Amino acid sequence: MVVDYGLCEANAICMGINPEVFDVDDEDNLHILKPDITPETESDVHEAVRRCPRQALSIVEEDD
């Protein structure tokens, strides 16, 4: 998962979807707490990417 911090406005919509994966601190900085997408978080991560008002989140496939 990748965050474009130039686009991110710290709206915290992603944090509202899953606060165990996304955190916006008191200084409006987004932190990815669990960067690895798991079966348990996959649905929420896709929802956060879809609902981000600035389209600052994206999912990238890692090459093994």
PDB file of N, CA and C in Angstrom:
ATOM      1  N   MET A   1       0.847  -1.162   0.000  1.00  0.00           N
ATOM      2  CA  MET A   1       0.000   0.000   0.000  1.00  0.00           C
ATOM      3  C   MET A   1       0.898   1.232   0.000  1.00  0.00           C
ATOM      4  N   VAL A   2       0.493   2.239  -0.767  1.00  0.00           N
ATOM      5  CA  VAL A   2       1.281   3.448  -0.904  1.00  0.00           C
ATOM      6  C   VAL A   2       0.400   4.656  -0.609  1.00  0.00           C
ATOM      7  N   VAL A   3       0.985   5.640   0.084  1.00  0.00           N
ATOM      8  CA  VAL A   3       0.304   6.899   0.347  1.00  0.00           C
ATOM      9  C   VAL A   3       1.037   7.998  -0.399  1.00  0.00           C
ATOM     10  N   ASP A   4       0.301   8.776  -1.166  1.00  0.00           N
ATOM     11  CA  ASP A   4       0.870   9.969  -1.788  1.00  0.00           C
ATOM     12  C   ASP A   4       0.644  11.106  -0.797  1.00  0.00           C
ATOM     13  N   TYR A   5       1.673  11.409  -0.021  1.00  0.00           N
ATOM     14  CA  TYR A   5       1.533  12.414   1.024  1.00  0.00           C
ATOM     15  C   TYR A   5       1.342  13.820   0.463  1.00  0.00           C
ATOM     16  N   GLY A   6       1.677  14.011  -0.808  1.00  0.00           N
ATOM     17  CA  GLY A   6       1.410  15.294  -1.453  1.00  0.00           C
ATOM     18  C   GLY A   6      -0.081  15.508  -1.696  1.00  0.00           C
ATOM     19  N   LEU A   7      -0.818  14.418  -1.837  1.00  0.00           N
ATOM     20  CA  LEU A   7      -2.262  14.497  -2.044  1.00  0.00           C
ATOM     21  C   LEU A   7      -3.057  14.370  -0.742  1.00  0.00           C
ATOM     22  N   CYS A   8      -2.516  13.638   0.227  1.00  0.00           N
ATOM     23  CA  CYS A   8      -3.252  13.327   1.452  1.00  0.00           C
ATOM     24  C   CYS A   8      -3.569  14.598   2.229  1.00  0.00           C
ATOM     25  N   GLU A   9      -4.845  14.748   2.576  1.00  0.00           N
ATOM     26  CA  GLU A   9      -5.292  15.889   3.390  1.00  0.00           C
ATOM     27  C   GLU A   9      -5.647  15.465   4.803  1.00  0.00           C
ATOM     28  N   ALA A  10      -5.333  14.240   5.168  1.00  0.00           N
ATOM     29  CA  ALA A  10      -5.608  13.716   6.513  1.00  0.00           C
ATOM     30  C   ALA A  10      -7.081  13.856   6.875  1.00  0.00           C
ATOM     31  N   ASN A  11      -7.943  13.499   5.937  1.00  0.00           N
ATOM     32  CA  ASN A  11      -9.382  13.540   6.189  1.00  0.00           C
ATOM     33  C   ASN A  11      -9.818  12.450   7.162  1.00  0.00           C
ATOM     34  N   ALA A  12      -9.000  11.450   7.356  1.00  0.00           N
ATOM     35  CA  ALA A  12      -9.214  10.349   8.294  1.00  0.00           C
ATOM     36  C   ALA A  12     -10.368   9.430   7.909  1.00  0.00           C
ATOM     37  N   ILE A  13     -10.794   9.485   6.669  1.00  0.00           N
ATOM     38  CA  ILE A  13     -11.824   8.547   6.221  1.00  0.00           C
ATOM     39  C   ILE A  13     -11.273   7.127   6.290  1.00  0.00           C
ATOM     40  N   CYS A  14     -10.024   6.950   5.889  1.00  0.00           N
ATOM     41  CA  CYS A  14      -9.412   5.621   5.955  1.00  0.00           C
ATOM     42  C   CYS A  14      -9.332   5.135   7.397  1.00  0.00           C
ATOM     43  N   MET A  15      -8.997   6.027   8.312  1.00  0.00           N
ATOM     44  CA  MET A  15      -8.921   5.653   9.718  1.00  0.00           C
ATOM     45  C   MET A  15     -10.296   5.257  10.249  1.00  0.00           C
ATOM     46  N   GLY A  16     -11.338   5.919   9.768  1.00  0.00           N
ATOM     47  CA  GLY A  16     -12.682   5.554  10.162  1.00  0.00           C
ATOM     48  C   GLY A  16     -13.072   4.181   9.663  1.00  0.00           C
ATOM     49  N   ILE A  17     -12.514   3.771   8.540  1.00  0.00           N
ATOM     50  CA  ILE A  17     -12.800   2.447   7.977  1.00  0.00           C
ATOM     51  C   ILE A  17     -12.071   1.368   8.770  1.00  0.00           C
ATOM     52  N   ASN A  18     -10.795   1.601   9.072  1.00  0.00           N
ATOM     53  CA  ASN A  18     -10.051   0.614   9.854  1.00  0.00           C
ATOM     54  C   ASN A  18      -8.929   1.303  10.641  1.00  0.00           C
ATOM     55  N   PRO A  19      -9.192   1.656  11.903  1.00  0.00           N
ATOM     56  CA  PRO A  19      -8.180   2.337  12.720  1.00  0.00           C
ATOM     57  C   PRO A  19      -7.013   1.451  13.133  1.00  0.00           C
ATOM     58  N   GLU A  20      -7.107   0.149  12.868  1.00  0.00           N
ATOM     59  CA  GLU A  20      -5.971  -0.726  13.154  1.00  0.00           C
ATOM     60  C   GLU A  20      -4.947  -0.690  12.025  1.00  0.00           C
ATOM     61  N   VAL A  21      -5.356  -0.215  10.863  1.00  0.00           N
ATOM     62  CA  VAL A  21      -4.457  -0.116   9.708  1.00  0.00           C
ATOM     63  C   VAL A  21      -4.002   1.330   9.497  1.00  0.00           C
ATOM     64  N   PHE A  22      -4.929   2.265   9.641  1.00  0.00           N
ATOM     65  CA  PHE A  22      -4.658   3.675   9.351  1.00  0.00           C
ATOM     66  C   PHE A  22      -4.774   4.512  10.619  1.00  0.00           C
ATOM     67  N   ASP A  23      -3.864   5.467  10.774  1.00  0.00           N
ATOM     68  CA  ASP A  23      -3.934   6.382  11.911  1.00  0.00           C
ATOM     69  C   ASP A  23      -3.569   7.780  11.444  1.00  0.00           C
ATOM     70  N   VAL A  24      -4.389   8.749  11.835  1.00  0.00           N
ATOM     71  CA  VAL A  24      -4.072  10.157  11.606  1.00  0.00           C
ATOM     72  C   VAL A  24      -3.773  10.747  12.972  1.00  0.00           C
ATOM     73  N   ASP A  25      -2.553  11.252  13.126  1.00  0.00           N
ATOM     74  CA  ASP A  25      -2.163  11.751  14.442  1.00  0.00           C
ATOM     75  C   ASP A  25      -2.665  13.174  14.676  1.00  0.00           C
ATOM     76  N   ASP A  26      -2.338  13.726  15.832  1.00  0.00           N
ATOM     77  CA  ASP A  26      -2.824  15.057  16.222  1.00  0.00           C
ATOM     78  C   ASP A  26      -2.281  16.173  15.340  1.00  0.00           C
ATOM     79  N   GLU A  27      -1.235  15.877  14.573  1.00  0.00           N
ATOM     80  CA  GLU A  27      -0.648  16.866  13.670  1.00  0.00           C
ATOM     81  C   GLU A  27      -1.090  16.631  12.229  1.00  0.00           C
ATOM     82  N   ASP A  28      -2.159  15.842  12.052  1.00  0.00           N
ATOM     83  CA  ASP A  28      -2.734  15.543  10.742  1.00  0.00           C
ATOM     84  C   ASP A  28      -1.770  14.829   9.804  1.00  0.00           C
ATOM     85  N   ASN A  29      -0.998  13.907  10.359  1.00  0.00           N
ATOM     86  CA  ASN A  29      -0.121  13.068   9.555  1.00  0.00           C
ATOM     87  C   ASN A  29      -0.700  11.662   9.517  1.00  0.00           C
ATOM     88  N   LEU A  30      -0.825  11.107   8.324  1.00  0.00           N
ATOM     89  CA  LEU A  30      -1.322   9.748   8.166  1.00  0.00           C
ATOM     90  C   LEU A  30      -0.189   8.758   8.370  1.00  0.00           C
ATOM     91  N   HIS A  31      -0.458   7.721   9.159  1.00  0.00           N
ATOM     92  CA  HIS A  31       0.495   6.641   9.377  1.00  0.00           C
ATOM     93  C   HIS A  31      -0.182   5.325   9.014  1.00  0.00           C
ATOM     94  N   ILE A  32       0.536   4.488   8.298  1.00  0.00           N
ATOM     95  CA  ILE A  32       0.048   3.154   7.986  1.00  0.00           C
ATOM     96  C   ILE A  32       0.602   2.236   9.073  1.00  0.00           C
ATOM     97  N   LEU A  33      -0.281   1.748   9.932  1.00  0.00           N
ATOM     98  CA  LEU A  33       0.138   0.918  11.061  1.00  0.00           C
ATOM     99  C   LEU A  33       0.420  -0.512  10.642  1.00  0.00           C
ATOM    100  N   LYS A  34      -0.311  -0.996   9.659  1.00  0.00           N
ATOM    101  CA  LYS A  34      -0.132  -2.361   9.160  1.00  0.00           C
ATOM    102  C   LYS A  34      -0.049  -2.312   7.635  1.00  0.00           C
ATOM    103  N   PRO A  35       1.150  -2.112   7.089  1.00  0.00           N
ATOM    104  CA  PRO A  35       1.279  -1.935   5.639  1.00  0.00           C
ATOM    105  C   PRO A  35       1.017  -3.192   4.818  1.00  0.00           C
ATOM    106  N   ASP A  36       1.165  -4.361   5.433  1.00  0.00           N
ATOM    107  CA  ASP A  36       0.932  -5.603   4.692  1.00  0.00           C
ATOM    108  C   ASP A  36      -0.557  -5.911   4.663  1.00  0.00           C
ATOM    109  N   ILE A  37      -1.082  -6.093   3.475  1.00  0.00           N
ATOM    110  CA  ILE A  37      -2.500  -6.408   3.324  1.00  0.00           C
ATOM    111  C   ILE A  37      -2.687  -7.900   3.602  1.00  0.00           C
ATOM    112  N   THR A  38      -3.574  -8.187   4.534  1.00  0.00           N
ATOM    113  CA  THR A  38      -3.864  -9.568   4.917  1.00  0.00           C
ATOM    114  C   THR A  38      -5.298  -9.891   4.527  1.00  0.00           C
ATOM    115  N   PRO A  39      -5.677 -11.149   4.562  1.00  0.00           N
ATOM    116  CA  PRO A  39      -7.082 -11.480   4.269  1.00  0.00           C
ATOM    117  C   PRO A  39      -8.053 -10.741   5.196  1.00  0.00           C
ATOM    118  N   GLU A  40      -7.627 -10.485   6.434  1.00  0.00           N
ATOM    119  CA  GLU A  40      -8.483  -9.796   7.390  1.00  0.00           C
ATOM    120  C   GLU A  40      -8.645  -8.311   7.066  1.00  0.00           C
ATOM    121  N   THR A  41      -7.620  -7.695   6.464  1.00  0.00           N
ATOM    122  CA  THR A  41      -7.673  -6.248   6.201  1.00  0.00           C
ATOM    123  C   THR A  41      -7.956  -5.904   4.739  1.00  0.00           C
ATOM    124  N   GLU A  42      -7.918  -6.885   3.869  1.00  0.00           N
ATOM    125  CA  GLU A  42      -8.026  -6.618   2.429  1.00  0.00           C
ATOM    126  C   GLU A  42      -9.276  -5.827   2.049  1.00  0.00           C
ATOM    127  N   SER A  43     -10.413  -6.217   2.544  1.00  0.00           N
ATOM    128  CA  SER A  43     -11.666  -5.536   2.214  1.00  0.00           C
ATOM    129  C   SER A  43     -11.639  -4.079   2.674  1.00  0.00           C
ATOM    130  N   ASP A  44     -11.167  -3.845   3.905  1.00  0.00           N
ATOM    131  CA  ASP A  44     -11.109  -2.483   4.433  1.00  0.00           C
ATOM    132  C   ASP A  44     -10.120  -1.616   3.664  1.00  0.00           C
ATOM    133  N   VAL A  45      -8.984  -2.191   3.295  1.00  0.00           N
ATOM    134  CA  VAL A  45      -7.984  -1.425   2.551  1.00  0.00           C
ATOM    135  C   VAL A  45      -8.542  -1.018   1.189  1.00  0.00           C
ATOM    136  N   HIS A  46      -9.194  -1.941   0.503  1.00  0.00           N
ATOM    137  CA  HIS A  46      -9.802  -1.600  -0.794  1.00  0.00           C
ATOM    138  C   HIS A  46     -10.876  -0.529  -0.628  1.00  0.00           C
ATOM    139  N   GLU A  47     -11.654  -0.621   0.439  1.00  0.00           N
ATOM    140  CA  GLU A  47     -12.679   0.387   0.729  1.00  0.00           C
ATOM    141  C   GLU A  47     -12.032   1.746   0.986  1.00  0.00           C
ATOM    142  N   ALA A  48     -10.947   1.777   1.746  1.00  0.00           N
ATOM    143  CA  ALA A  48     -10.251   3.033   2.035  1.00  0.00           C
ATOM    144  C   ALA A  48      -9.690   3.658   0.761  1.00  0.00           C
ATOM    145  N   VAL A  49      -9.101   2.838  -0.104  1.00  0.00           N
ATOM    146  CA  VAL A  49      -8.578   3.345  -1.381  1.00  0.00           C
ATOM    147  C   VAL A  49      -9.722   3.939  -2.203  1.00  0.00           C
ATOM    148  N   ARG A  50     -10.835   3.238  -2.243  1.00  0.00           N
ATOM    149  CA  ARG A  50     -11.980   3.678  -3.041  1.00  0.00           C
ATOM    150  C   ARG A  50     -12.587   4.974  -2.498  1.00  0.00           C
ATOM    151  N   ARG A  51     -12.628   5.121  -1.184  1.00  0.00           N
ATOM    152  CA  ARG A  51     -13.320   6.253  -0.578  1.00  0.00           C
ATOM    153  C   ARG A  51     -12.430   7.454  -0.277  1.00  0.00           C
ATOM    154  N   CYS A  52     -11.131   7.343  -0.492  1.00  0.00           N
ATOM    155  CA  CYS A  52     -10.232   8.470  -0.217  1.00  0.00           C
ATOM    156  C   CYS A  52     -10.614   9.642  -1.115  1.00  0.00           C
ATOM    157  N   PRO A  53     -10.987  10.786  -0.519  1.00  0.00           N
ATOM    158  CA  PRO A  53     -11.451  11.910  -1.335  1.00  0.00           C
ATOM    159  C   PRO A  53     -10.371  12.501  -2.246  1.00  0.00           C
ATOM    160  N   ARG A  54      -9.116  12.342  -1.893  1.00  0.00           N
ATOM    161  CA  ARG A  54      -8.019  12.883  -2.692  1.00  0.00           C
ATOM    162  C   ARG A  54      -7.304  11.812  -3.503  1.00  0.00           C
ATOM    163  N   GLN A  55      -7.784  10.576  -3.419  1.00  0.00           N
ATOM    164  CA  GLN A  55      -7.156   9.441  -4.116  1.00  0.00           C
ATOM    165  C   GLN A  55      -5.666   9.356  -3.790  1.00  0.00           C
ATOM    166  N   ALA A  56      -5.365   9.548  -2.507  1.00  0.00           N
ATOM    167  CA  ALA A  56      -3.980   9.521  -2.043  1.00  0.00           C
ATOM    168  C   ALA A  56      -3.480   8.122  -1.717  1.00  0.00           C
ATOM    169  N   LEU A  57      -4.400   7.159  -1.632  1.00  0.00           N
ATOM    170  CA  LEU A  57      -4.017   5.782  -1.316  1.00  0.00           C
ATOM    171  C   LEU A  57      -4.045   4.926  -2.569  1.00  0.00           C
ATOM    172  N   SER A  58      -3.091   4.022  -2.668  1.00  0.00           N
ATOM    173  CA  SER A  58      -3.109   3.071  -3.773  1.00  0.00           C
ATOM    174  C   SER A  58      -2.495   1.760  -3.302  1.00  0.00           C
ATOM    175  N   ILE A  59      -2.850   0.721  -4.004  1.00  0.00           N
ATOM    176  CA  ILE A  59      -2.336  -0.609  -3.716  1.00  0.00           C
ATOM    177  C   ILE A  59      -1.362  -0.970  -4.826  1.00  0.00           C
ATOM    178  N   VAL A  60      -0.177  -1.372  -4.444  1.00  0.00           N
ATOM    179  CA  VAL A  60       0.819  -1.809  -5.422  1.00  0.00           C
ATOM    180  C   VAL A  60       1.151  -3.257  -5.168  1.00  0.00           C
ATOM    181  N   GLU A  61       1.270  -3.986  -6.226  1.00  0.00           N
ATOM    182  CA  GLU A  61       1.646  -5.398  -6.125  1.00  0.00           C
ATOM    183  C   GLU A  61       3.156  -5.485  -5.935  1.00  0.00           C
ATOM    184  N   GLU A  62       3.554  -6.282  -4.978  1.00  0.00           N
ATOM    185  CA  GLU A  62       4.990  -6.473  -4.753  1.00  0.00           C
ATOM    186  C   GLU A  62       5.479  -7.647  -5.574  1.00  0.00           C
ATOM    187  N   ASP A  63       6.648  -7.469  -6.184  1.00  0.00           N
ATOM    188  CA  ASP A  63       7.279  -8.562  -6.912  1.00  0.00           C
ATOM    189  C   ASP A  63       8.109  -9.374  -5.938  1.00  0.00           C
ATOM    190  N   ASP A  64       7.913 -10.664  -5.950  1.00  0.00           N
ATOM    191  CA  ASP A  64       8.682 -11.529  -5.035  1.00  0.00           C
ATOM    192  C   ASP A  64       9.949 -12.012  -5.680  1.00  0.00           C
TER     193      ASP A  64
END
